[in-house]
C-alpha atoms as a PDB file:
ATOM      1  CA  MET A   1    -112.347-171.857 126.735  1.00  0.00           C
ATOM      2  CA  ALA A   2    -112.030-168.386 128.212  1.00  0.00           C
ATOM      3  CA  TYR A   3    -111.423-165.308 126.166  1.00  0.00           C
ATOM      4  CA  ALA A   4    -109.697-162.228 127.463  1.00  0.00           C
ATOM      5  CA  ILE A   5    -111.165-158.914 126.509  1.00  0.00           C
ATOM      6  CA  MET A   6    -108.475-156.433 125.499  1.00  0.00           C
ATOM      7  CA  GLU A   7    -108.956-152.737 125.386  1.00  0.00           C
ATOM      8  CA  ILE A   8    -107.380-151.369 122.254  1.00  0.00           C
ATOM      9  CA  THR A   9    -105.945-147.899 122.544  1.00  0.00           C
ATOM     10  CA  PRO A  10    -107.051-145.752 119.617  1.00  0.00           C
ATOM     11  CA  PHE A  11    -104.355-144.825 117.107  1.00  0.00           C
ATOM     12  CA  SER A  12    -104.771-141.133 117.820  1.00  0.00           C
ATOM     13  CA  GLU A  13    -104.124-141.519 121.552  1.00  0.00           C
ATOM     14  CA  VAL A  14    -100.980-143.561 120.914  1.00  0.00           C
ATOM     15  CA  TRP A  15     -99.578-140.877 118.624  1.00  0.00           C
ATOM     16  CA  ASN A  16    -100.456-138.115 121.078  1.00  0.00           C
ATOM     17  CA  ASP A  17     -98.479-139.944 123.790  1.00  0.00           C
ATOM     18  CA  VAL A  18     -95.519-140.473 121.462  1.00  0.00           C
ATOM     19  CA  LEU A  19     -95.546-136.870 120.215  1.00  0.00           C
ATOM     20  CA  GLY A  20     -95.898-135.526 123.748  1.00  0.00           C
ATOM     21  CA  ASN A  21     -92.557-137.146 124.574  1.00  0.00           C
ATOM     22  CA  ASP A  22     -90.769-136.402 121.305  1.00  0.00           C
ATOM     23  CA  GLY A  23     -92.358-133.934 118.906  1.00  0.00           C
ATOM     24  CA  MET A  24     -89.892-134.805 116.147  1.00  0.00           C
ATOM     25  CA  GLN A  25     -91.622-138.192 115.832  1.00  0.00           C
ATOM     26  CA  LEU A  26     -94.146-136.268 113.749  1.00  0.00           C
ATOM     27  CA  ARG A  27     -91.943-137.145 110.769  1.00  0.00           C
ATOM     28  CA  HIS A  28     -93.065-140.777 111.068  1.00  0.00           C
ATOM     29  CA  ILE A  29     -96.719-140.056 110.388  1.00  0.00           C
ATOM     30  CA  LYS A  30     -96.441-140.619 106.660  1.00  0.00           C
ATOM     31  CA  ASP A  31    -100.126-140.581 105.853  1.00  0.00           C
ATOM     32  CA  HIS A  32    -101.086-136.957 106.233  1.00  0.00           C
ATOM     33  CA  TYR A  33    -104.768-137.876 106.222  1.00  0.00           C
ATOM     34  CA  MET A  34    -104.134-139.565 109.608  1.00  0.00           C
ATOM     35  CA  LEU A  35    -102.493-136.449 111.004  1.00  0.00           C
ATOM     36  CA  THR A  36    -104.804-134.308 113.097  1.00  0.00           C
ATOM     37  CA  ILE A  37    -104.415-130.761 114.349  1.00  0.00           C
ATOM     38  CA  ASP A  38    -104.210-132.218 117.868  1.00  0.00           C
ATOM     39  CA  HIS A  39    -101.225-134.363 116.839  1.00  0.00           C
ATOM     40  CA  VAL A  40     -99.524-131.304 115.414  1.00  0.00           C
ATOM     41  CA  LYS A  41    -100.165-129.142 118.487  1.00  0.00           C
ATOM     42  CA  THR A  42     -98.916-131.870 120.817  1.00  0.00           C
ATOM     43  CA  ALA A  43     -95.730-132.274 118.799  1.00  0.00           C
ATOM     44  CA  LEU A  44     -95.074-128.525 118.567  1.00  0.00           C
ATOM     45  CA  GLU A  45     -95.624-127.962 122.268  1.00  0.00           C
ATOM     46  CA  GLN A  46     -92.865-130.491 122.875  1.00  0.00           C
ATOM     47  CA  ASN A  47     -90.529-129.337 120.067  1.00  0.00           C
ATOM     48  CA  GLY A  48     -91.245-126.321 117.885  1.00  0.00           C
ATOM     49  CA  MET A  49     -88.775-127.515 115.266  1.00  0.00           C
ATOM     50  CA  ALA A  50     -91.204-130.340 114.440  1.00  0.00           C
ATOM     51  CA  LEU A  51     -92.897-127.656 112.331  1.00  0.00           C
ATOM     52  CA  LYS A  52     -90.607-128.915 109.581  1.00  0.00           C
ATOM     53  CA  PHE A  53     -92.890-131.954 109.252  1.00  0.00           C
ATOM     54  CA  VAL A  54     -96.232-130.139 109.337  1.00  0.00           C
ATOM     55  CA  PRO A  55     -98.056-129.997 106.000  1.00  0.00           C
ATOM     56  CA  GLN A  56     -98.931-126.478 104.851  1.00  0.00           C
ATOM     57  CA  ASN A  57    -102.666-127.130 105.063  1.00  0.00           C
ATOM     58  CA  LEU A  58    -102.255-127.476 108.862  1.00  0.00           C
ATOM     59  CA  MET A  59    -100.085-124.364 109.244  1.00  0.00           C
ATOM     60  CA  LYS A  60    -102.725-122.211 110.877  1.00  0.00           C
ATOM     61  CA  PRO A  61    -101.700-119.090 112.835  1.00  0.00           C
ATOM     62  CA  ASP A  62    -102.557-120.634 116.222  1.00  0.00           C
ATOM     63  CA  VAL A  63    -100.488-123.725 115.393  1.00  0.00           C
ATOM     64  CA  LEU A  64     -97.550-121.600 114.246  1.00  0.00           C
ATOM     65  CA  ARG A  65     -97.680-119.532 117.429  1.00  0.00           C
ATOM     66  CA  ILE A  66     -97.324-122.714 119.476  1.00  0.00           C
ATOM     67  CA  ALA A  67     -94.214-123.698 117.526  1.00  0.00           C
ATOM     68  CA  LEU A  68     -92.620-120.259 117.761  1.00  0.00           C
ATOM     69  CA  LYS A  69     -93.270-119.866 121.472  1.00  0.00           C
ATOM     70  CA  GLN A  70     -91.495-123.171 122.003  1.00  0.00           C
ATOM     71  CA  ASN A  71     -88.620-122.446 119.564  1.00  0.00           C
ATOM     72  CA  GLY A  72     -88.345-119.176 117.654  1.00  0.00           C
ATOM     73  CA  MET A  73     -85.954-120.727 115.145  1.00  0.00           C
ATOM     74  CA  ALA A  74     -88.889-122.726 113.752  1.00  0.00           C
ATOM     75  CA  ILE A  75     -89.721-119.600 111.762  1.00  0.00           C
ATOM     76  CA  GLU A  76     -87.485-120.944 109.017  1.00  0.00           C
ATOM     77  CA  TYR A  77     -90.208-123.495 108.163  1.00  0.00           C
ATOM     78  CA  ILE A  78     -93.001-120.943 107.782  1.00  0.00           C
ATOM     79  CA  PRO A  79     -93.730-119.886 104.217  1.00  0.00           C
ATOM     80  CA  PHE A  80     -93.144-116.229 103.403  1.00  0.00           C
ATOM     81  CA  TYR A  81     -96.764-115.593 102.408  1.00  0.00           C
ATOM     82  CA  ILE A  82     -97.927-116.606 105.893  1.00  0.00           C
ATOM     83  CA  LEU A  83     -95.399-114.319 107.588  1.00  0.00           C
ATOM     84  CA  THR A  84     -96.548-111.360 105.501  1.00  0.00           C
ATOM     85  CA  GLU A  85    -100.149-112.051 106.469  1.00  0.00           C
ATOM     86  CA  TYR A  86     -99.333-112.554 110.171  1.00  0.00           C
ATOM     87  CA  PRO A  87     -96.299-110.372 111.021  1.00  0.00           C
ATOM     88  CA  ASP A  88     -96.826-110.969 114.751  1.00  0.00           C
ATOM     89  CA  LEU A  89     -95.296-114.403 114.134  1.00  0.00           C
ATOM     90  CA  CYS A  90     -91.942-112.685 113.545  1.00  0.00           C
ATOM     91  CA  GLU A  91     -92.266-110.852 116.846  1.00  0.00           C
ATOM     92  CA  ILE A  92     -93.067-114.064 118.704  1.00  0.00           C
ATOM     93  CA  ALA A  93     -90.057-115.764 117.122  1.00  0.00           C
ATOM     94  CA  VAL A  94     -87.501-113.108 118.083  1.00  0.00           C
ATOM     95  CA  THR A  95     -88.974-112.763 121.557  1.00  0.00           C
ATOM     96  CA  GLN A  96     -88.277-116.452 122.085  1.00  0.00           C
ATOM     97  CA  ASN A  97     -84.905-116.489 120.250  1.00  0.00           C
ATOM     98  CA  GLY A  98     -83.382-113.270 118.942  1.00  0.00           C
ATOM     99  CA  PHE A  99     -81.352-115.166 116.362  1.00  0.00           C
ATOM    100  CA  ALA A 100     -84.611-116.049 114.576  1.00  0.00           C
ATOM    101  CA  VAL A 101     -84.181-112.682 112.837  1.00  0.00           C
ATOM    102  CA  GLN A 102     -81.684-114.354 110.514  1.00  0.00           C
ATOM    103  CA  HIS A 103     -84.529-116.305 108.896  1.00  0.00           C
ATOM    104  CA  MET A 104     -86.501-113.188 107.983  1.00  0.00           C
ATOM    105  CA  THR A 105     -86.343-111.668 104.544  1.00  0.00           C
ATOM    106  CA  GLY A 106     -85.369-108.089 103.860  1.00  0.00           C
ATOM    107  CA  PHE A 107     -89.001-107.347 103.088  1.00  0.00           C
ATOM    108  CA  MET A 108     -90.123-108.554 106.507  1.00  0.00           C
ATOM    109  CA  LEU A 109     -87.379-106.584 108.209  1.00  0.00           C
ATOM    110  CA  CYS A 110     -88.423-103.410 106.390  1.00  0.00           C
ATOM    111  CA  GLU A 111     -92.058-103.964 107.307  1.00  0.00           C
ATOM    112  CA  LEU A 112     -91.154-104.446 110.970  1.00  0.00           C
ATOM    113  CA  PRO A 113     -88.488-101.840 111.764  1.00  0.00           C
ATOM    114  CA  HIS A 114     -88.726-102.573 115.501  1.00  0.00           C
ATOM    115  CA  ILE A 115     -87.862-106.249 115.050  1.00  0.00           C
ATOM    116  CA  TYR A 116     -84.112-105.710 115.480  1.00  0.00           C
ATOM    117  CA  LYS A 117     -84.621-103.992 118.811  1.00  0.00           C
ATOM    118  CA  MET A 118     -86.828-106.860 119.968  1.00  0.00           C
ATOM    119  CA  ALA A 119     -84.232-109.389 118.824  1.00  0.00           C
ATOM    120  CA  VAL A 120     -81.278-107.761 120.600  1.00  0.00           C
ATOM    121  CA  ALA A 121     -83.358-107.241 123.722  1.00  0.00           C
ATOM    122  CA  GLN A 122     -83.755-111.019 123.836  1.00  0.00           C
ATOM    123  CA  ASN A 123     -80.069-111.680 123.087  1.00  0.00           C
ATOM    124  CA  GLY A 124     -77.654-108.776 122.769  1.00  0.00           C
ATOM    125  CA  LEU A 125     -75.230-110.805 120.659  1.00  0.00           C
ATOM    126  CA  VAL A 126     -77.765-110.798 117.828  1.00  0.00           C
ATOM    127  CA  LEU A 127     -76.288-107.368 117.076  1.00  0.00           C
ATOM    128  CA  GLN A 128     -73.510-109.128 115.171  1.00  0.00           C
ATOM    129  CA  ILE A 129     -75.983-110.229 112.461  1.00  0.00           C
ATOM    130  CA  VAL A 130     -77.932-106.964 112.299  1.00  0.00           C
ATOM    131  CA  TYR A 131     -77.274-105.078 109.070  1.00  0.00           C
ATOM    132  CA  PRO A 132     -74.783-102.277 109.794  1.00  0.00           C
ATOM    133  CA  SER A 133     -77.266 -99.680 108.545  1.00  0.00           C
ATOM    134  CA  LYS A 134     -79.810-100.930 111.113  1.00  0.00           C
ATOM    135  CA  ARG A 135     -77.435-100.696 114.082  1.00  0.00           C
ATOM    136  CA  THR A 136     -79.059 -97.541 115.359  1.00  0.00           C
ATOM    137  CA  PHE A 137     -78.345 -95.969 118.712  1.00  0.00           C
ATOM    138  CA  ASP A 138     -81.508 -97.465 120.258  1.00  0.00           C
ATOM    139  CA  VAL A 139     -80.811-100.938 118.888  1.00  0.00           C
ATOM    140  CA  CYS A 140     -77.235-100.813 120.150  1.00  0.00           C
ATOM    141  CA  VAL A 141     -78.272 -99.593 123.608  1.00  0.00           C
ATOM    142  CA  ALA A 142     -80.790-102.440 123.854  1.00  0.00           C
ATOM    143  CA  ALA A 143     -78.132-104.952 122.783  1.00  0.00           C
ATOM    144  CA  VAL A 144     -75.449-103.735 125.190  1.00  0.00           C
ATOM    145  CA  THR A 145     -77.967-103.467 128.019  1.00  0.00           C
ATOM    146  CA  GLN A 146     -78.859-107.123 127.488  1.00  0.00           C
ATOM    147  CA  ASN A 147     -75.249-108.292 127.018  1.00  0.00           C
ATOM    148  CA  ARG A 148     -72.189-106.103 127.621  1.00  0.00           C
ATOM    149  CA  HIS A 149     -70.186-108.151 125.099  1.00  0.00           C
ATOM    150  CA  ALA A 150     -72.386-106.760 122.318  1.00  0.00           C
ATOM    151  CA  ILE A 151     -70.323-103.538 122.515  1.00  0.00           C
ATOM    152  CA  GLU A 152     -67.920-105.279 120.155  1.00  0.00           C
ATOM    153  CA  PHE A 153     -70.505-104.972 117.369  1.00  0.00           C
ATOM    154  CA  VAL A 154     -71.522-101.353 117.978  1.00  0.00           C
ATOM    155  CA  PRO A 155     -70.386 -98.955 115.225  1.00  0.00           C
ATOM    156  CA  SER A 156     -67.375 -96.947 116.360  1.00  0.00           C
ATOM    157  CA  ASN A 157     -69.082 -93.597 115.726  1.00  0.00           C
ATOM    158  CA  ILE A 158     -71.711 -94.268 118.435  1.00  0.00           C
ATOM    159  CA  LYS A 159     -69.808 -96.639 120.745  1.00  0.00           C
ATOM    160  CA  ASP A 160     -68.936 -93.968 123.340  1.00  0.00           C
ATOM    161  CA  ASP A 161     -72.503 -92.642 123.461  1.00  0.00           C
ATOM    162  CA  VAL A 162     -73.899 -96.154 123.843  1.00  0.00           C
ATOM    163  CA  MET A 163     -71.477 -96.942 126.669  1.00  0.00           C
ATOM    164  CA  ASN A 164     -72.281 -93.652 128.411  1.00  0.00           C
ATOM    165  CA  THR A 165     -75.992 -94.380 128.172  1.00  0.00           C
ATOM    166  CA  VAL A 166     -75.715 -97.954 129.368  1.00  0.00           C
ATOM    167  CA  ASN A 167     -73.302 -97.102 132.171  1.00  0.00           C
ATOM    168  CA  THR A 168     -75.284 -94.127 133.451  1.00  0.00           C
ATOM    169  CA  PRO A 169     -76.699 -95.220 136.775  1.00  0.00           C
ATOM    170  CA  THR A 170     -80.378 -94.693 137.240  1.00  0.00           C
ATOM    171  CA  GLN A 171     -81.152 -92.044 139.786  1.00  0.00           C
ATOM    172  CA  VAL A 172     -82.602 -93.509 142.905  1.00  0.00           C
ATOM    173  CA  THR A 173     -84.402 -91.269 145.331  1.00  0.00           C
ATOM    174  CA  TYR A 174     -84.484 -92.318 148.937  1.00  0.00           C
ATOM    175  CA  GLN A 175     -87.151 -91.106 151.247  1.00  0.00           C
ATOM    176  CA  LEU A 176     -86.607 -91.087 154.963  1.00  0.00           C
ATOM    177  CA  ILE A 177     -89.430 -92.546 156.906  1.00  0.00           C
END
């Protein structure tokens, strides 16, 4: 009688392969004691929104940065206390997806006054969700520069100035050789 020797793939490697193809499969690892930081990173590199299934004890800044670089909207799953401790996470989120600003609290937005400009620079149409009092000249210029359709959301009292600024051609100096 002959016996075949089978190589058994370790559980961890199987999950890393699965998560590398579909990060949202993280939701199926029910036993959190079996979940490793490597599993989490693999899942988040594939789909940042898998952060929804990451237990808080594994929400370390480096892990969160991976999720936000992949999908800025994942910021909605990060607890407020972590965002206050690591405000750069907000910047990473809006750099990846300007609409991530909608998941930030008023406190965070006050602490990071430049966040609106970063958000509209990524997607000018974010201007439509920026508080009217925060639609400053600089924010509006950044929005319209990124997307001309954002002019629709510029306050009427600065609309002409914004258009003049955005439409002013940059001076180019030519040098004859």
